[in-house]
Amino acid sequence: MRLQGKLFISGKLTALTGLHIGGSKTDVAIGDIDNSVVKTSEGVPYIPGSSLKGKIRSLLEKREGRDLCTCGGKDCKICVVFGTAADKRSEETGPTRLIVRDCHLTEETKRKMDNKEGEFRELELIYTESKWENLIDRSTSRALHPRQTERVPQGAEFEFQMVFNLMEKEDIERFEYLISGLFLLEDDYLGGSGSRGYGRVEFSDLQIGIKTMKEYEGTNEPIQLYTGTLKDLNKDEFKDKLQKKLEAE
């Protein structure tokens, strides 16, 4: 099995509702929000690549009627694309196809948050907002254990990038499978408390490029195969374009 090329999927991921991906609970001080979001060392919220990758995988597992699939089979799209335990991996499946980078706030979003501009003019914290949550005792209708939950506010934009390794011809179909996972995520939620309205996201400004060995030996610049929105991506047309690119190498 030989590496034929790499697909680069990039664009913006927008929070359409408040987004909560939990951070460390070990350093909470008195008076602080006790359900904080994950942040960089500079105190800026971000979306870990593991959270994004894990959610897409989970949705595709539900689509297949599986629960935490780790079969490692060469015909299992989930395990080949997203990976499996080292002791289940074989020469037939090859390396994990999908790499998901951490998603950081765009510079424009950070600037508007820093200056409290536009949709972030009422933002109470620097990059986030707080929301009180209550657990309700249904038998008495009393609120129990109220706590503050920190959220990245609606309208925040993150830059995302995924890298998809093309090892064999079947990977073209597997990449289409990944795109289906992005569609599923837009109709589901990312992070916690999705049933309460948190975590609705949207992919935009989508760009998909490819580097074959020819590009790595030359300019090292990806050849753009698609630019547009996720909903306008015609998977059949894209597969044909990708197939012709690989056959031309």
C-alpha atoms as a PDB file:
ATOM      1  CA  MET A   1       0.000   0.000   0.000  1.00  0.00           C
ATOM      2  CA  ARG A   2       1.516   3.283  -1.150  1.00  0.00           C
ATOM      3  CA  LEU A   3       0.585   6.887  -0.397  1.00  0.00           C
ATOM      4  CA  GLN A   4      -0.916   8.386  -3.563  1.00  0.00           C
ATOM      5  CA  GLY A   5      -1.722  11.819  -2.237  1.00  0.00           C
ATOM      6  CA  LYS A   6      -3.362  13.907   0.454  1.00  0.00           C
ATOM      7  CA  LEU A   7      -6.676  15.745   0.372  1.00  0.00           C
ATOM      8  CA  PHE A   8      -6.894  18.997   2.345  1.00  0.00           C
ATOM      9  CA  ILE A   9     -10.354  20.069   3.543  1.00  0.00           C
ATOM     10  CA  SER A  10     -10.474  23.525   5.091  1.00  0.00           C
ATOM     11  CA  GLY A  11     -12.893  26.342   5.762  1.00  0.00           C
ATOM     12  CA  LYS A  12     -14.897  27.892   8.567  1.00  0.00           C
ATOM     13  CA  LEU A  13     -16.947  26.213  11.261  1.00  0.00           C
ATOM     14  CA  THR A  14     -19.572  28.599  12.667  1.00  0.00           C
ATOM     15  CA  ALA A  15     -21.389  28.181  15.977  1.00  0.00           C
ATOM     16  CA  LEU A  16     -25.081  28.768  15.160  1.00  0.00           C
ATOM     17  CA  THR A  17     -25.963  28.368  18.833  1.00  0.00           C
ATOM     18  CA  GLY A  18     -23.880  28.531  22.020  1.00  0.00           C
ATOM     19  CA  LEU A  19     -21.123  25.903  21.993  1.00  0.00           C
ATOM     20  CA  HIS A  20     -19.779  24.062  25.037  1.00  0.00           C
ATOM     21  CA  ILE A  21     -16.835  21.673  24.853  1.00  0.00           C
ATOM     22  CA  GLY A  22     -15.742  21.077  28.428  1.00  0.00           C
ATOM     23  CA  GLY A  23     -12.333  22.009  29.751  1.00  0.00           C
ATOM     24  CA  SER A  24     -10.339  21.127  32.874  1.00  0.00           C
ATOM     25  CA  LYS A  25     -12.180  21.108  36.212  1.00  0.00           C
ATOM     26  CA  THR A  26      -9.048  20.913  38.345  1.00  0.00           C
ATOM     27  CA  ASP A  27      -8.323  24.639  38.756  1.00  0.00           C
ATOM     28  CA  VAL A  28     -11.740  26.115  39.519  1.00  0.00           C
ATOM     29  CA  ALA A  29     -11.562  28.960  42.044  1.00  0.00           C
ATOM     30  CA  ILE A  30     -14.350  30.198  44.295  1.00  0.00           C
ATOM     31  CA  GLY A  31     -16.683  32.395  42.255  1.00  0.00           C
ATOM     32  CA  ASP A  32     -15.491  31.024  38.923  1.00  0.00           C
ATOM     33  CA  ILE A  33     -17.739  29.353  36.369  1.00  0.00           C
ATOM     34  CA  ASP A  34     -17.709  25.689  37.368  1.00  0.00           C
ATOM     35  CA  ASN A  35     -18.439  24.244  33.921  1.00  0.00           C
ATOM     36  CA  SER A  36     -15.876  25.933  31.703  1.00  0.00           C
ATOM     37  CA  VAL A  37     -14.955  25.407  28.055  1.00  0.00           C
ATOM     38  CA  VAL A  38     -11.606  24.124  26.860  1.00  0.00           C
ATOM     39  CA  LYS A  39      -9.097  26.905  26.115  1.00  0.00           C
ATOM     40  CA  THR A  40      -5.589  27.362  24.808  1.00  0.00           C
ATOM     41  CA  SER A  41      -2.713  28.386  27.092  1.00  0.00           C
ATOM     42  CA  GLU A  42      -3.614  31.989  26.150  1.00  0.00           C
ATOM     43  CA  GLY A  43      -7.165  31.588  27.451  1.00  0.00           C
ATOM     44  CA  VAL A  44      -8.819  31.469  24.018  1.00  0.00           C
ATOM     45  CA  PRO A  45     -11.507  28.811  23.447  1.00  0.00           C
ATOM     46  CA  TYR A  46     -10.955  26.316  20.655  1.00  0.00           C
ATOM     47  CA  ILE A  47     -12.399  23.079  19.303  1.00  0.00           C
ATOM     48  CA  PRO A  48     -10.053  20.112  19.834  1.00  0.00           C
ATOM     49  CA  GLY A  49      -9.578  18.036  16.715  1.00  0.00           C
ATOM     50  CA  SER A  50     -10.328  14.946  18.794  1.00  0.00           C
ATOM     51  CA  SER A  51     -13.781  16.320  19.701  1.00  0.00           C
ATOM     52  CA  LEU A  52     -14.666  17.081  16.084  1.00  0.00           C
ATOM     53  CA  LYS A  53     -13.311  13.774  14.791  1.00  0.00           C
ATOM     54  CA  GLY A  54     -14.972  11.783  17.562  1.00  0.00           C
ATOM     55  CA  LYS A  55     -18.380  13.358  16.966  1.00  0.00           C
ATOM     56  CA  ILE A  56     -18.291  12.692  13.228  1.00  0.00           C
ATOM     57  CA  ARG A  57     -17.231   9.115  13.890  1.00  0.00           C
ATOM     58  CA  SER A  58     -20.033   8.649  16.426  1.00  0.00           C
ATOM     59  CA  LEU A  59     -22.657   9.881  13.973  1.00  0.00           C
ATOM     60  CA  LEU A  60     -21.424   7.540  11.247  1.00  0.00           C
ATOM     61  CA  GLU A  61     -21.432   4.647  13.720  1.00  0.00           C
ATOM     62  CA  LYS A  62     -25.088   5.428  14.459  1.00  0.00           C
ATOM     63  CA  ARG A  63     -25.762   5.475  10.727  1.00  0.00           C
ATOM     64  CA  GLU A  64     -24.305   1.950  10.497  1.00  0.00           C
ATOM     65  CA  GLY A  65     -26.122   0.765  13.621  1.00  0.00           C
ATOM     66  CA  ARG A  66     -22.847   0.187  15.442  1.00  0.00           C
ATOM     67  CA  ASP A  67     -21.645   1.254  18.862  1.00  0.00           C
ATOM     68  CA  LEU A  68     -17.974   2.204  19.315  1.00  0.00           C
ATOM     69  CA  CYS A  69     -16.765   0.090  16.411  1.00  0.00           C
ATOM     70  CA  THR A  70     -13.158  -1.111  16.790  1.00  0.00           C
ATOM     71  CA  CYS A  71     -13.330  -4.185  14.570  1.00  0.00           C
ATOM     72  CA  GLY A  72     -10.306  -3.128  12.513  1.00  0.00           C
ATOM     73  CA  GLY A  73     -11.685  -4.842   9.418  1.00  0.00           C
ATOM     74  CA  LYS A  74     -10.324  -3.804   6.026  1.00  0.00           C
ATOM     75  CA  ASP A  75     -13.888  -3.396   4.742  1.00  0.00           C
ATOM     76  CA  CYS A  76     -14.980  -1.246   7.688  1.00  0.00           C
ATOM     77  CA  LYS A  77     -15.058   2.368   6.550  1.00  0.00           C
ATOM     78  CA  ILE A  78     -15.268   3.618  10.125  1.00  0.00           C
ATOM     79  CA  CYS A  79     -12.095   1.886  11.310  1.00  0.00           C
ATOM     80  CA  VAL A  80     -10.093   2.607   8.152  1.00  0.00           C
ATOM     81  CA  VAL A  81     -11.047   6.295   8.037  1.00  0.00           C
ATOM     82  CA  PHE A  82     -11.038   7.145  11.754  1.00  0.00           C
ATOM     83  CA  GLY A  83      -8.617   4.588  13.127  1.00  0.00           C
ATOM     84  CA  THR A  84      -8.706   1.706  15.556  1.00  0.00           C
ATOM     85  CA  ALA A  85      -6.596   0.176  18.297  1.00  0.00           C
ATOM     86  CA  ALA A  86      -3.017  -0.646  17.348  1.00  0.00           C
ATOM     87  CA  ASP A  87      -3.538  -4.365  17.977  1.00  0.00           C
ATOM     88  CA  LYS A  88      -6.490  -4.378  15.530  1.00  0.00           C
ATOM     89  CA  ARG A  89      -4.682  -2.566  12.707  1.00  0.00           C
ATOM     90  CA  SER A  90      -3.303  -4.658   9.858  1.00  0.00           C
ATOM     91  CA  GLU A  91      -1.284  -4.228   6.682  1.00  0.00           C
ATOM     92  CA  GLU A  92      -4.523  -4.598   4.748  1.00  0.00           C
ATOM     93  CA  THR A  93      -6.135  -1.561   6.364  1.00  0.00           C
ATOM     94  CA  GLY A  94      -2.996   0.551   6.404  1.00  0.00           C
ATOM     95  CA  PRO A  95      -2.666   3.814   8.340  1.00  0.00           C
ATOM     96  CA  THR A  96      -5.620   5.854   9.606  1.00  0.00           C
ATOM     97  CA  ARG A  97      -6.838   7.965   6.712  1.00  0.00           C
ATOM     98  CA  LEU A  98      -8.208  11.020   8.547  1.00  0.00           C
ATOM     99  CA  ILE A  99      -6.280  13.701  10.432  1.00  0.00           C
ATOM    100  CA  VAL A 100      -8.312  16.481  12.105  1.00  0.00           C
ATOM    101  CA  ARG A 101      -6.540  19.632  13.280  1.00  0.00           C
ATOM    102  CA  ASP A 102      -7.570  21.704  16.299  1.00  0.00           C
ATOM    103  CA  CYS A 103      -9.976  24.500  15.261  1.00  0.00           C
ATOM    104  CA  HIS A 104      -9.051  28.000  16.429  1.00  0.00           C
ATOM    105  CA  LEU A 105     -11.094  31.188  16.388  1.00  0.00           C
ATOM    106  CA  THR A 106     -10.655  33.242  13.235  1.00  0.00           C
ATOM    107  CA  GLU A 107      -8.742  36.492  13.620  1.00  0.00           C
ATOM    108  CA  GLU A 108     -11.890  38.434  12.664  1.00  0.00           C
ATOM    109  CA  THR A 109     -13.920  36.758  15.418  1.00  0.00           C
ATOM    110  CA  LYS A 110     -11.167  37.389  17.981  1.00  0.00           C
ATOM    111  CA  ARG A 111     -10.929  41.050  16.948  1.00  0.00           C
ATOM    112  CA  LYS A 112     -14.673  41.597  17.262  1.00  0.00           C
ATOM    113  CA  MET A 113     -14.740  39.844  20.642  1.00  0.00           C
ATOM    114  CA  ASP A 114     -11.768  41.843  21.931  1.00  0.00           C
ATOM    115  CA  ASN A 115     -13.442  45.112  20.905  1.00  0.00           C
ATOM    116  CA  LYS A 116     -16.994  44.014  21.787  1.00  0.00           C
ATOM    117  CA  GLU A 117     -18.207  44.709  18.255  1.00  0.00           C
ATOM    118  CA  GLY A 118     -21.177  43.499  16.193  1.00  0.00           C
ATOM    119  CA  GLU A 119     -22.891  40.394  17.496  1.00  0.00           C
ATOM    120  CA  PHE A 120     -20.426  40.292  20.416  1.00  0.00           C
ATOM    121  CA  ARG A 121     -21.102  43.789  21.762  1.00  0.00           C
ATOM    122  CA  GLU A 122     -22.926  42.389  24.835  1.00  0.00           C
ATOM    123  CA  LEU A 123     -20.407  39.629  25.473  1.00  0.00           C
ATOM    124  CA  GLU A 124     -19.893  39.474  29.243  1.00  0.00           C
ATOM    125  CA  LEU A 125     -16.550  37.655  29.287  1.00  0.00           C
ATOM    126  CA  ILE A 126     -13.618  38.093  26.890  1.00  0.00           C
ATOM    127  CA  TYR A 127     -14.364  35.255  24.458  1.00  0.00           C
ATOM    128  CA  THR A 128     -17.303  33.480  26.071  1.00  0.00           C
ATOM    129  CA  GLU A 129     -20.663  33.861  27.772  1.00  0.00           C
ATOM    130  CA  SER A 130     -22.150  32.196  30.858  1.00  0.00           C
ATOM    131  CA  LYS A 131     -25.525  30.541  31.170  1.00  0.00           C
ATOM    132  CA  TRP A 132     -27.244  29.313  34.319  1.00  0.00           C
ATOM    133  CA  GLU A 133     -28.416  25.700  34.138  1.00  0.00           C
ATOM    134  CA  ASN A 134     -30.719  23.926  36.609  1.00  0.00           C
ATOM    135  CA  LEU A 135     -31.487  20.283  37.237  1.00  0.00           C
ATOM    136  CA  ILE A 136     -35.265  20.084  37.835  1.00  0.00           C
ATOM    137  CA  ASP A 137     -36.822  17.601  40.253  1.00  0.00           C
ATOM    138  CA  ARG A 138     -39.854  16.540  38.211  1.00  0.00           C
ATOM    139  CA  SER A 139     -41.814  15.354  41.225  1.00  0.00           C
ATOM    140  CA  THR A 140     -41.605  18.737  43.014  1.00  0.00           C
ATOM    141  CA  SER A 141     -40.669  21.085  40.116  1.00  0.00           C
ATOM    142  CA  ARG A 142     -37.875  22.440  42.303  1.00  0.00           C
ATOM    143  CA  ALA A 143     -34.584  23.550  40.796  1.00  0.00           C
ATOM    144  CA  LEU A 144     -31.645  21.513  42.067  1.00  0.00           C
ATOM    145  CA  HIS A 145     -27.923  22.192  41.852  1.00  0.00           C
ATOM    146  CA  PRO A 146     -27.915  25.393  39.775  1.00  0.00           C
ATOM    147  CA  ARG A 147     -24.599  26.001  38.058  1.00  0.00           C
ATOM    148  CA  GLN A 148     -23.090  28.280  35.454  1.00  0.00           C
ATOM    149  CA  THR A 149     -22.087  26.845  32.115  1.00  0.00           C
ATOM    150  CA  GLU A 150     -19.576  28.650  29.940  1.00  0.00           C
ATOM    151  CA  ARG A 151     -20.263  28.742  26.198  1.00  0.00           C
ATOM    152  CA  VAL A 152     -18.643  30.074  23.066  1.00  0.00           C
ATOM    153  CA  PRO A 153     -21.339  32.479  21.816  1.00  0.00           C
ATOM    154  CA  GLN A 154     -23.496  32.154  18.744  1.00  0.00           C
ATOM    155  CA  GLY A 155     -21.776  33.586  15.666  1.00  0.00           C
ATOM    156  CA  ALA A 156     -18.222  32.622  16.624  1.00  0.00           C
ATOM    157  CA  GLU A 157     -16.230  31.340  13.652  1.00  0.00           C
ATOM    158  CA  PHE A 158     -13.425  28.799  13.813  1.00  0.00           C
ATOM    159  CA  GLU A 159     -10.915  27.800  11.152  1.00  0.00           C
ATOM    160  CA  PHE A 160     -10.904  24.067  10.520  1.00  0.00           C
ATOM    161  CA  GLN A 161      -8.654  21.761   8.524  1.00  0.00           C
ATOM    162  CA  MET A 162      -8.727  18.050   7.876  1.00  0.00           C
ATOM    163  CA  VAL A 163      -6.206  15.950   5.971  1.00  0.00           C
ATOM    164  CA  PHE A 164      -7.293  12.746   4.250  1.00  0.00           C
ATOM    165  CA  ASN A 165      -4.636  10.262   3.109  1.00  0.00           C
ATOM    166  CA  LEU A 166      -5.258   8.536  -0.207  1.00  0.00           C
ATOM    167  CA  MET A 167      -3.655   5.094  -0.077  1.00  0.00           C
ATOM    168  CA  GLU A 168      -5.739   3.082  -2.551  1.00  0.00           C
ATOM    169  CA  LYS A 169      -8.630   3.530  -4.978  1.00  0.00           C
ATOM    170  CA  GLU A 170     -11.204   2.595  -2.319  1.00  0.00           C
ATOM    171  CA  ASP A 171     -10.269   5.752  -0.444  1.00  0.00           C
ATOM    172  CA  ILE A 172     -12.246   7.831  -2.943  1.00  0.00           C
ATOM    173  CA  GLU A 173     -15.439   6.177  -1.673  1.00  0.00           C
ATOM    174  CA  ARG A 174     -14.211   6.521   1.897  1.00  0.00           C
ATOM    175  CA  PHE A 175     -13.733  10.260   1.430  1.00  0.00           C
ATOM    176  CA  GLU A 176     -17.335  10.514   0.235  1.00  0.00           C
ATOM    177  CA  TYR A 177     -18.267   8.702   3.457  1.00  0.00           C
ATOM    178  CA  LEU A 178     -16.488  11.401   5.460  1.00  0.00           C
ATOM    179  CA  ILE A 179     -18.430  14.138   3.640  1.00  0.00           C
ATOM    180  CA  SER A 180     -21.645  12.359   4.666  1.00  0.00           C
ATOM    181  CA  GLY A 181     -20.436  12.662   8.249  1.00  0.00           C
ATOM    182  CA  LEU A 182     -20.100  16.447   7.874  1.00  0.00           C
ATOM    183  CA  PHE A 183     -23.687  16.624   6.629  1.00  0.00           C
ATOM    184  CA  LEU A 184     -24.829  14.577   9.623  1.00  0.00           C
ATOM    185  CA  LEU A 185     -22.992  16.875  12.030  1.00  0.00           C
ATOM    186  CA  GLU A 186     -24.721  19.980  10.667  1.00  0.00           C
ATOM    187  CA  ASP A 187     -28.050  18.362  11.543  1.00  0.00           C
ATOM    188  CA  ASP A 188     -26.882  17.230  14.975  1.00  0.00           C
ATOM    189  CA  TYR A 189     -24.683  19.051  17.500  1.00  0.00           C
ATOM    190  CA  LEU A 190     -21.081  19.390  18.613  1.00  0.00           C
ATOM    191  CA  GLY A 191     -20.019  19.356  22.268  1.00  0.00           C
ATOM    192  CA  GLY A 192     -22.309  18.996  25.250  1.00  0.00           C
ATOM    193  CA  SER A 193     -25.974  19.748  26.034  1.00  0.00           C
ATOM    194  CA  GLY A 194     -27.096  19.365  22.438  1.00  0.00           C
ATOM    195  CA  SER A 195     -30.611  18.380  23.499  1.00  0.00           C
ATOM    196  CA  ARG A 196     -30.824  21.768  25.236  1.00  0.00           C
ATOM    197  CA  GLY A 197     -30.006  23.642  22.056  1.00  0.00           C
ATOM    198  CA  TYR A 198     -26.233  23.886  22.368  1.00  0.00           C
ATOM    199  CA  GLY A 199     -23.715  23.046  19.676  1.00  0.00           C
ATOM    200  CA  ARG A 200     -25.448  23.573  16.344  1.00  0.00           C
ATOM    201  CA  VAL A 201     -22.699  24.265  13.783  1.00  0.00           C
ATOM    202  CA  GLU A 202     -22.300  24.976  10.093  1.00  0.00           C
ATOM    203  CA  PHE A 203     -19.415  24.479   7.660  1.00  0.00           C
ATOM    204  CA  SER A 204     -18.762  27.298   5.173  1.00  0.00           C
ATOM    205  CA  ASP A 205     -16.091  28.673   2.814  1.00  0.00           C
ATOM    206  CA  LEU A 206     -15.196  25.080   2.007  1.00  0.00           C
ATOM    207  CA  GLN A 207     -12.010  24.386   0.062  1.00  0.00           C
ATOM    208  CA  ILE A 208     -10.813  20.932  -0.963  1.00  0.00           C
ATOM    209  CA  GLY A 209      -7.365  20.583  -2.514  1.00  0.00           C
ATOM    210  CA  ILE A 210      -5.046  17.707  -3.301  1.00  0.00           C
ATOM    211  CA  LYS A 211      -1.324  17.145  -3.233  1.00  0.00           C
ATOM    212  CA  THR A 212      -0.106  14.112  -5.146  1.00  0.00           C
ATOM    213  CA  MET A 213       3.523  13.046  -5.198  1.00  0.00           C
ATOM    214  CA  LYS A 214       3.944  15.326  -8.227  1.00  0.00           C
ATOM    215  CA  GLU A 215       3.037  18.386  -6.140  1.00  0.00           C
ATOM    216  CA  TYR A 216       5.320  17.304  -3.284  1.00  0.00           C
ATOM    217  CA  GLU A 217       8.211  16.959  -5.719  1.00  0.00           C
ATOM    218  CA  GLY A 218       7.429  20.339  -7.298  1.00  0.00           C
ATOM    219  CA  THR A 219       5.733  23.448  -5.899  1.00  0.00           C
ATOM    220  CA  ASN A 220       4.314  21.709  -2.792  1.00  0.00           C
ATOM    221  CA  GLU A 221       1.089  23.644  -3.387  1.00  0.00           C
ATOM    222  CA  PRO A 222      -2.274  21.836  -3.399  1.00  0.00           C
ATOM    223  CA  ILE A 223      -4.367  21.724  -6.556  1.00  0.00           C
ATOM    224  CA  GLN A 224      -7.835  23.054  -5.751  1.00  0.00           C
ATOM    225  CA  LEU A 225     -10.622  20.626  -6.637  1.00  0.00           C
ATOM    226  CA  TYR A 226     -13.551  22.418  -5.010  1.00  0.00           C
ATOM    227  CA  THR A 227     -14.410  25.806  -3.542  1.00  0.00           C
ATOM    228  CA  GLY A 228     -17.886  26.599  -2.251  1.00  0.00           C
ATOM    229  CA  THR A 229     -20.396  25.534   0.377  1.00  0.00           C
ATOM    230  CA  LEU A 230     -20.863  22.082   1.822  1.00  0.00           C
ATOM    231  CA  LYS A 231     -24.481  21.877   0.667  1.00  0.00           C
ATOM    232  CA  ASP A 232     -23.486  22.717  -2.935  1.00  0.00           C
ATOM    233  CA  LEU A 233     -20.810  20.015  -3.106  1.00  0.00           C
ATOM    234  CA  ASN A 234     -21.836  17.460  -5.724  1.00  0.00           C
ATOM    235  CA  LYS A 235     -20.214  14.279  -4.462  1.00  0.00           C
ATOM    236  CA  ASP A 236     -20.456  12.422  -7.785  1.00  0.00           C
ATOM    237  CA  GLU A 237     -18.830  15.256  -9.725  1.00  0.00           C
ATOM    238  CA  PHE A 238     -16.129  15.586  -7.104  1.00  0.00           C
ATOM    239  CA  LYS A 239     -15.382  11.851  -7.183  1.00  0.00           C
ATOM    240  CA  ASP A 240     -14.978  11.975 -10.974  1.00  0.00           C
ATOM    241  CA  LYS A 241     -12.619  14.951 -10.736  1.00  0.00           C
ATOM    242  CA  LEU A 242     -10.567  13.267  -8.021  1.00  0.00           C
ATOM    243  CA  GLN A 243     -10.399   9.999  -9.941  1.00  0.00           C
ATOM    244  CA  LYS A 244      -9.140  11.759 -13.088  1.00  0.00           C
ATOM    245  CA  LYS A 245      -6.497  13.625 -11.084  1.00  0.00           C
ATOM    246  CA  LEU A 246      -5.150  10.416  -9.573  1.00  0.00           C
ATOM    247  CA  GLU A 247      -5.221   8.567 -12.904  1.00  0.00           C
ATOM    248  CA  ALA A 248      -3.233  11.360 -14.536  1.00  0.00           C
ATOM    249  CA  GLU A 249      -0.320  10.894 -12.128  1.00  0.00           C
END
